Amino acid sequence: MGDALRSIGEAALGAALGERVEMGRLRVLEALLERADLRLDAVSLEIAAETRSGARITRIRDRREGSDGPPVILKEGRTKKLRAERDAVLRWHEAMPGVAPRIIDSHEHGERSAILFEHIARPTFERLLLQGDPVELERALRRVQGTLTDVWTRTRDARPASPRFMDQLRSRLGEVFKVHPDFRGRDARSRGASRPSLERLVDAAIPLDDDLKAPFSVLIHGDFNVDNIILDAEQDRVRLVDLHRSRWMDYAQDVSVFLVSNARLLVIDAVRGRRRAVMLDFLRFARSFAELAGDRTFPARLALGLARSFATSTRFVLDEELSRSMWQRARRLLERVLDHDANHLTDFDLTEEVWLD
């Protein structure tokens, strides 16, 4: 009887709000809305997205008559991750005001927590790449590059950064094999000769994690995907969301993630050319920054970062042809680095044919 009454109550709430609200969520939602001067009986909920880390993002609109304010964004998830995101957003506010979204309020309730953010009603870089006109896309790319230059310059710290890309890759291989079990232990053949599996290449490249370090640290996004970059044309600035992995680290990590997040998009032929142009332009920008900063091992670190991102991203790609292409590109990158003289990695050159499709 109690379970039935609870289900009836949750169904009634869902009918009124536009989205199912379990009783556990209700307590968190009520506490946040009350502090934001909103009433539960006067709002509507609309699921905006669910992140790969399991967080739910909901758009909340005020339905009261005469209310014309913008909606707010509710992000719910595990307390540990949302606490990390809240701290990261505050860190960005201090280091680079105006880039991260404004936090309206936050609330923790055991293992589940929620943060109320301002709503940024602007297109993502992904949307501009897929649907925007060329001029708009070019302007967006320049804004992204300008913002990164400011961030990397203003947050630069003299402490070296050790990204340990191979450790990152090895720790995620199990998740990849759950989605693509045929990738496990798969050697390749080229011109009749056997080539080692990606796992064996990773094991061989592990010592490079200790050798390849960035000469300085900067504040990175940590998950610099094209759908986490929002272009605010009215205020002529870039806004960044989903910052829970943000920290002081090697900027090659954000560069590699951005490039691979472009590469893994399923695009029509008409968009393929400009996607390639965006990736090459962004790579030229990052190389130029590295040269001016005197960072001589950047190409080698970026190759490992790209290998890491190509391989681990396959767990989010179900298209067989694309996932296999990404896996092979990760293999080629690792082979190219391992074939180079380990004592002269400052001379390593990252050529286009190794990682571009």
Protein backbone atom coordinates (compact mmCIF):
# COMPACT_ATOMS: atom_id res chain seq x y z
CA MET A 1 0.00 0.00 0.00
CA GLY A 2 2.80 2.40 0.91
CA ASP A 3 4.68 1.65 -2.32
CA ALA A 4 1.49 2.17 -4.31
CA LEU A 5 0.78 5.53 -2.67
CA ARG A 6 4.37 6.62 -3.27
CA SER A 7 4.09 5.69 -6.96
CA ILE A 8 0.81 7.60 -7.24
CA GLY A 9 2.42 10.65 -5.65
CA GLU A 10 5.43 10.54 -7.95
CA ALA A 11 3.15 10.12 -10.98
CA ALA A 12 1.12 13.17 -9.92
CA LEU A 13 4.29 15.22 -9.47
CA GLY A 14 5.51 14.10 -12.88
CA ALA A 15 2.25 15.12 -14.52
CA ALA A 16 2.43 18.56 -12.93
CA LEU A 17 6.14 19.21 -13.56
CA GLY A 18 6.61 17.57 -16.94
CA GLU A 19 9.22 15.08 -15.68
CA ARG A 20 9.14 12.25 -13.18
CA VAL A 21 10.44 13.30 -9.76
CA GLU A 22 11.27 10.61 -7.21
CA MET A 23 10.82 11.50 -3.54
CA GLY A 24 14.58 11.57 -2.97
CA ARG A 25 15.01 14.14 -5.77
CA LEU A 26 12.03 16.10 -4.48
CA ARG A 27 13.74 17.05 -1.21
CA VAL A 28 16.84 18.34 -3.02
CA LEU A 29 14.75 20.15 -5.63
CA GLU A 30 12.51 21.84 -3.07
CA ALA A 31 15.49 23.07 -1.03
CA LEU A 32 17.20 24.57 -4.09
CA LEU A 33 14.07 26.17 -5.56
CA GLU A 34 13.13 27.75 -2.26
CA ARG A 35 16.53 29.44 -1.97
CA ALA A 36 16.26 30.58 -5.60
CA ASP A 37 12.85 32.20 -4.90
CA LEU A 38 11.01 29.62 -7.01
CA ARG A 39 8.09 27.41 -6.02
CA LEU A 40 7.76 23.78 -6.98
CA ASP A 41 4.12 24.26 -7.99
CA ALA A 42 5.08 27.09 -10.35
CA VAL A 43 7.88 25.55 -12.41
CA SER A 44 8.17 23.09 -15.27
CA LEU A 45 11.05 20.66 -15.75
CA GLU A 46 12.59 19.59 -19.03
CA ILE A 47 15.48 17.14 -19.32
CA ALA A 48 18.25 18.84 -21.30
CA ALA A 49 20.89 16.10 -21.24
CA GLU A 50 22.44 13.21 -19.36
CA THR A 51 26.23 13.23 -19.16
CA ARG A 52 28.48 10.21 -19.69
CA SER A 53 29.38 10.37 -15.98
CA GLY A 54 25.73 9.78 -15.03
CA ALA A 55 24.72 13.34 -14.12
CA ARG A 56 21.28 14.57 -15.16
CA ILE A 57 20.84 18.10 -16.52
CA THR A 58 17.36 19.63 -16.29
CA ARG A 59 16.08 22.96 -17.58
CA ILE A 60 13.72 24.64 -15.08
CA ARG A 61 11.26 27.30 -16.24
CA ASP A 62 9.18 29.62 -14.04
CA ARG A 63 5.53 29.27 -15.14
CA ARG A 64 4.15 32.07 -12.97
CA GLU A 65 2.19 34.71 -14.82
CA GLY A 66 4.26 37.74 -15.69
CA SER A 67 7.56 35.90 -15.18
CA ASP A 68 9.84 36.50 -18.13
CA GLY A 69 13.16 35.56 -16.56
CA PRO A 70 15.45 33.02 -18.23
CA PRO A 71 15.30 29.37 -17.17
CA VAL A 72 17.88 27.91 -14.82
CA ILE A 73 19.84 24.69 -15.16
CA LEU A 74 19.72 21.97 -12.52
CA LYS A 75 22.56 19.45 -12.57
CA GLU A 76 22.12 16.37 -10.39
CA GLY A 77 24.55 13.57 -9.75
CA ARG A 78 26.89 11.91 -7.31
CA THR A 79 28.02 14.16 -4.50
CA LYS A 80 31.73 13.56 -5.08
CA LYS A 81 31.60 14.64 -8.74
CA LEU A 82 29.31 17.59 -8.22
CA ARG A 83 31.40 18.81 -5.31
CA ALA A 84 34.46 18.63 -7.60
CA GLU A 85 32.57 20.58 -10.28
CA ARG A 86 31.45 23.25 -7.83
CA ASP A 87 35.01 23.71 -6.59
CA ALA A 88 36.30 23.81 -10.18
CA VAL A 89 33.75 26.44 -11.21
CA LEU A 90 34.74 28.61 -8.26
CA ARG A 91 38.38 28.16 -9.25
CA TRP A 92 37.59 29.33 -12.78
CA HIS A 93 35.67 32.34 -11.45
CA GLU A 94 38.76 33.37 -9.54
CA ALA A 95 41.27 32.71 -12.33
CA MET A 96 39.21 33.67 -15.41
CA PRO A 97 36.03 35.56 -14.46
CA GLY A 98 33.13 35.18 -16.86
CA VAL A 99 34.20 31.91 -18.49
CA ALA A 100 32.47 29.38 -16.20
CA PRO A 101 28.69 29.54 -15.58
CA ARG A 102 27.43 31.30 -12.48
CA ILE A 103 26.33 29.05 -9.60
CA ILE A 104 22.99 30.12 -8.18
CA ASP A 105 22.94 27.57 -5.37
CA SER A 106 23.94 24.02 -4.48
CA HIS A 107 22.62 21.36 -2.14
CA GLU A 108 24.01 18.04 -0.88
CA HIS A 109 21.79 15.19 0.26
CA GLY A 110 23.81 12.11 1.12
CA GLU A 111 25.33 10.47 -1.94
CA ARG A 112 23.28 12.62 -4.34
CA SER A 113 23.65 16.36 -4.79
CA ALA A 114 22.52 19.13 -7.10
CA ILE A 115 23.77 22.47 -8.39
CA LEU A 116 21.61 25.25 -9.80
CA PHE A 117 23.41 27.09 -12.63
CA GLU A 118 22.55 30.07 -14.75
CA HIS A 119 21.21 29.07 -18.15
CA ILE A 120 23.44 29.97 -21.11
CA ALA A 121 21.20 29.97 -24.18
CA ARG A 122 23.90 29.96 -26.82
CA PRO A 123 25.11 27.41 -29.40
CA THR A 124 27.87 24.93 -28.64
CA PHE A 125 30.93 24.66 -30.84
CA GLU A 126 29.62 21.27 -31.98
CA ARG A 127 26.41 22.83 -33.25
CA LEU A 128 28.28 25.57 -35.12
CA LEU A 129 30.55 22.99 -36.71
CA LEU A 130 27.63 20.85 -37.87
CA GLN A 131 25.06 23.55 -38.69
CA GLY A 132 26.62 27.04 -38.57
CA ASP A 133 27.72 29.02 -41.58
CA PRO A 134 31.47 29.17 -42.39
CA VAL A 135 31.90 32.77 -41.21
CA GLU A 136 30.21 32.01 -37.90
CA LEU A 137 32.36 28.91 -37.42
CA GLU A 138 35.57 30.79 -38.22
CA ARG A 139 34.69 33.50 -35.71
CA ALA A 140 33.91 30.87 -33.06
CA LEU A 141 37.24 29.10 -33.63
CA ARG A 142 39.13 32.39 -33.20
CA ARG A 143 37.25 33.08 -29.95
CA VAL A 144 38.11 29.62 -28.61
CA GLN A 145 41.78 30.06 -29.50
CA GLY A 146 41.87 33.55 -28.00
CA THR A 147 40.29 32.32 -24.78
CA LEU A 148 42.75 29.44 -24.48
CA THR A 149 45.69 31.78 -25.07
CA ASP A 150 44.43 33.99 -22.22
CA VAL A 151 43.85 31.01 -19.92
CA TRP A 152 47.20 29.36 -20.63
CA THR A 153 49.05 32.67 -20.23
CA ARG A 154 47.29 33.96 -17.11
CA THR A 155 47.18 30.65 -15.22
CA ARG A 156 50.65 29.44 -16.14
CA ASP A 157 52.51 27.91 -13.21
CA ALA A 158 56.21 27.07 -13.20
CA ARG A 159 55.62 23.57 -11.84
CA PRO A 160 56.06 20.87 -14.53
CA ALA A 161 52.99 18.82 -15.40
CA SER A 162 52.97 15.06 -15.90
CA PRO A 163 49.83 13.99 -17.79
CA ARG A 164 50.69 10.26 -17.78
CA PHE A 165 48.59 9.58 -20.87
CA MET A 166 49.52 5.89 -21.01
CA ASP A 167 48.41 5.33 -17.43
CA GLN A 168 45.13 7.06 -18.28
CA LEU A 169 44.68 4.87 -21.34
CA ARG A 170 45.53 1.61 -19.60
CA SER A 171 43.08 2.34 -16.76
CA ARG A 172 40.20 2.75 -19.26
CA LEU A 173 40.87 -0.22 -21.54
CA GLY A 174 38.51 -2.44 -19.54
CA GLU A 175 35.62 -0.05 -20.23
CA VAL A 176 36.52 -0.01 -23.94
CA PHE A 177 36.52 -3.82 -24.15
CA LYS A 178 33.04 -3.99 -22.60
CA VAL A 179 31.74 -2.03 -25.59
CA HIS A 180 34.14 -3.46 -28.20
CA PRO A 181 35.24 -6.91 -26.99
CA ASP A 182 36.84 -7.71 -30.36
CA PHE A 183 39.44 -4.97 -29.74
CA ARG A 184 41.00 -6.96 -26.90
CA GLY A 185 44.39 -8.49 -27.66
CA ARG A 186 43.93 -7.96 -31.36
CA ASP A 187 47.20 -7.87 -33.28
CA ALA A 188 47.21 -6.49 -36.80
CA ARG A 189 48.91 -7.53 -39.99
CA SER A 190 50.56 -5.17 -42.44
CA ARG A 191 52.20 -6.43 -45.65
CA GLY A 192 52.33 -9.94 -44.22
CA ALA A 193 54.00 -8.89 -40.95
CA SER A 194 52.35 -9.03 -37.54
CA ARG A 195 51.89 -5.78 -35.61
CA PRO A 196 51.44 -5.76 -31.81
CA SER A 197 48.06 -5.14 -30.21
CA LEU A 198 47.30 -1.74 -28.74
CA GLU A 199 47.63 -3.15 -25.21
CA ARG A 200 51.20 -4.26 -25.97
CA LEU A 201 51.98 -0.85 -27.44
CA VAL A 202 50.65 0.85 -24.31
CA ASP A 203 52.81 -1.36 -22.09
CA ALA A 204 55.86 -0.46 -24.20
CA ALA A 205 55.04 3.26 -24.00
CA ILE A 206 54.42 3.37 -20.23
CA PRO A 207 58.05 4.48 -19.45
CA LEU A 208 57.44 7.59 -21.56
CA ASP A 209 54.98 8.79 -18.90
CA ASP A 210 57.97 9.46 -16.65
CA ASP A 211 60.08 11.03 -19.40
CA LEU A 212 57.56 13.33 -21.10
CA LYS A 213 56.48 16.25 -18.93
CA ALA A 214 55.20 19.68 -19.78
CA PRO A 215 57.68 22.35 -18.59
CA PHE A 216 54.82 24.24 -16.90
CA SER A 217 51.23 23.75 -15.75
CA VAL A 218 48.10 25.65 -16.77
CA LEU A 219 44.46 25.49 -15.75
CA ILE A 220 42.81 23.01 -18.12
CA HIS A 221 39.16 22.16 -18.67
CA GLY A 222 39.83 18.44 -18.35
CA ASP A 223 37.05 17.39 -20.74
CA PHE A 224 37.43 19.93 -23.56
CA ASN A 225 34.88 18.40 -25.92
CA VAL A 226 33.13 20.42 -28.60
CA ASP A 227 29.81 20.10 -26.74
CA ASN A 228 31.28 21.63 -23.56
CA ILE A 229 32.23 24.88 -25.34
CA ILE A 230 29.49 27.52 -25.65
CA LEU A 231 29.85 30.58 -27.87
CA ASP A 232 28.29 33.73 -26.46
CA ALA A 233 28.35 36.00 -29.52
CA GLU A 234 26.45 38.83 -27.82
CA GLN A 235 29.14 39.27 -25.17
CA ASP A 236 31.90 38.12 -27.54
CA ARG A 237 33.22 35.42 -25.22
CA VAL A 238 33.52 31.68 -24.75
CA ARG A 239 31.76 29.92 -21.88
CA LEU A 240 32.80 26.49 -20.59
CA VAL A 241 30.59 23.89 -18.88
CA ASP A 242 31.03 20.45 -17.28
CA LEU A 243 34.20 21.43 -15.44
CA HIS A 244 34.45 18.68 -12.83
CA ARG A 245 37.78 17.40 -14.27
CA SER A 246 39.36 20.86 -14.32
CA ARG A 247 42.78 21.23 -12.67
CA TRP A 248 46.32 22.52 -13.24
CA MET A 249 47.82 20.15 -15.81
CA ASP A 250 49.44 19.81 -19.22
CA TYR A 251 47.57 21.84 -21.87
CA ALA A 252 48.27 19.01 -24.36
CA GLN A 253 45.42 17.14 -22.68
CA ASP A 254 42.81 19.76 -23.63
CA VAL A 255 44.30 20.03 -27.13
CA SER A 256 44.08 16.27 -27.73
CA VAL A 257 40.54 16.00 -26.35
CA PHE A 258 39.33 18.88 -28.55
CA LEU A 259 40.85 17.35 -31.67
CA VAL A 260 39.43 13.88 -31.03
CA SER A 261 35.99 15.21 -30.08
CA ASN A 262 35.88 16.72 -33.58
CA ALA A 263 37.18 13.55 -35.20
CA ARG A 264 34.61 11.25 -33.60
CA LEU A 265 31.59 13.21 -34.84
CA LEU A 266 29.55 11.37 -37.45
CA VAL A 267 29.31 13.97 -40.21
CA ILE A 268 28.01 14.13 -43.76
CA ASP A 269 30.45 14.66 -46.62
CA ALA A 270 29.56 18.36 -46.86
CA VAL A 271 30.83 18.94 -43.29
CA ARG A 272 33.84 16.64 -43.45
CA GLY A 273 36.07 19.21 -45.17
CA ARG A 274 35.44 22.02 -42.72
CA ARG A 275 35.84 19.65 -39.76
CA ARG A 276 39.27 18.77 -41.11
CA ALA A 277 40.07 22.47 -41.58
CA VAL A 278 39.06 23.22 -37.97
CA MET A 279 41.28 20.43 -36.63
CA LEU A 280 44.32 21.50 -38.66
CA ASP A 281 43.85 25.15 -37.76
CA PHE A 282 43.55 24.30 -34.07
CA LEU A 283 46.66 22.12 -34.25
CA ARG A 284 48.62 24.99 -35.85
CA PHE A 285 47.44 27.29 -33.07
CA ALA A 286 48.54 24.86 -30.33
CA ARG A 287 51.92 24.25 -31.99
CA SER A 288 52.52 27.99 -32.28
CA PHE A 289 51.77 28.45 -28.57
CA ALA A 290 54.15 25.60 -27.68
CA GLU A 291 56.96 27.05 -29.79
CA LEU A 292 56.59 30.51 -28.25
CA ALA A 293 56.56 28.91 -24.78
CA GLY A 294 59.73 26.91 -25.51
CA ASP A 295 57.88 23.62 -25.02
CA ARG A 296 59.97 21.24 -27.16
CA THR A 297 58.30 17.93 -26.23
CA PHE A 298 54.76 19.13 -27.02
CA PRO A 299 54.44 17.14 -30.31
CA ALA A 300 55.44 13.87 -28.62
CA ARG A 301 53.11 14.46 -25.65
CA LEU A 302 50.29 15.42 -27.99
CA ALA A 303 50.78 12.18 -29.96
CA LEU A 304 50.36 10.18 -26.75
CA GLY A 305 47.40 12.34 -25.73
CA LEU A 306 45.73 11.77 -29.10
CA ALA A 307 46.34 8.02 -28.84
CA ARG A 308 44.78 8.03 -25.40
CA SER A 309 41.73 10.04 -26.53
CA PHE A 310 41.18 8.09 -29.76
CA ALA A 311 41.29 4.74 -27.97
CA THR A 312 39.23 5.65 -24.88
CA SER A 313 36.61 7.54 -26.91
CA THR A 314 35.66 4.37 -28.77
CA ARG A 315 33.63 3.35 -25.72
CA PHE A 316 31.19 6.14 -26.65
CA VAL A 317 31.13 5.29 -30.38
CA LEU A 318 28.91 2.42 -31.53
CA ASP A 319 29.45 2.96 -35.24
CA GLU A 320 31.71 0.03 -36.12
CA GLU A 321 33.59 1.72 -38.97
CA LEU A 322 34.32 4.90 -37.02
CA SER A 323 35.31 3.12 -33.79
CA ARG A 324 37.67 0.80 -35.68
CA SER A 325 39.22 3.80 -37.49
CA MET A 326 39.80 5.57 -34.15
CA TRP A 327 41.35 2.43 -32.66
CA GLN A 328 43.72 2.10 -35.61
CA ARG A 329 44.71 5.77 -35.39
CA ALA A 330 45.59 5.27 -31.72
CA ARG A 331 47.77 2.31 -32.72
CA ARG A 332 49.53 4.29 -35.48
CA LEU A 333 50.29 7.16 -33.12
CA LEU A 334 51.82 4.85 -30.52
CA GLU A 335 53.86 3.02 -33.15
CA ARG A 336 55.18 6.32 -34.50
CA VAL A 337 56.29 7.52 -31.04
CA LEU A 338 57.84 4.16 -30.12
CA ASP A 339 59.73 4.02 -33.42
CA HIS A 340 61.33 7.36 -32.65
CA ASP A 341 64.59 7.56 -30.69
CA ALA A 342 63.48 7.88 -27.06
CA ASN A 343 66.52 10.04 -26.31
CA HIS A 344 65.56 12.61 -28.94
CA LEU A 345 61.81 13.08 -28.54
CA THR A 346 62.27 16.84 -28.83
CA ASP A 347 62.73 16.14 -32.57
CA PHE A 348 59.47 14.20 -32.90
CA ASP A 349 57.12 15.50 -35.60
CA LEU A 350 53.40 14.76 -35.55
CA THR A 351 52.45 14.32 -39.21
CA GLU A 352 48.86 14.65 -40.42
CA GLU A 353 48.47 11.24 -42.05
CA VAL A 354 49.07 9.49 -38.71
CA TRP A 355 45.99 10.83 -36.95
CA LEU A 356 43.66 12.48 -39.49
CA ASP A 357 41.08 10.38 -41.31
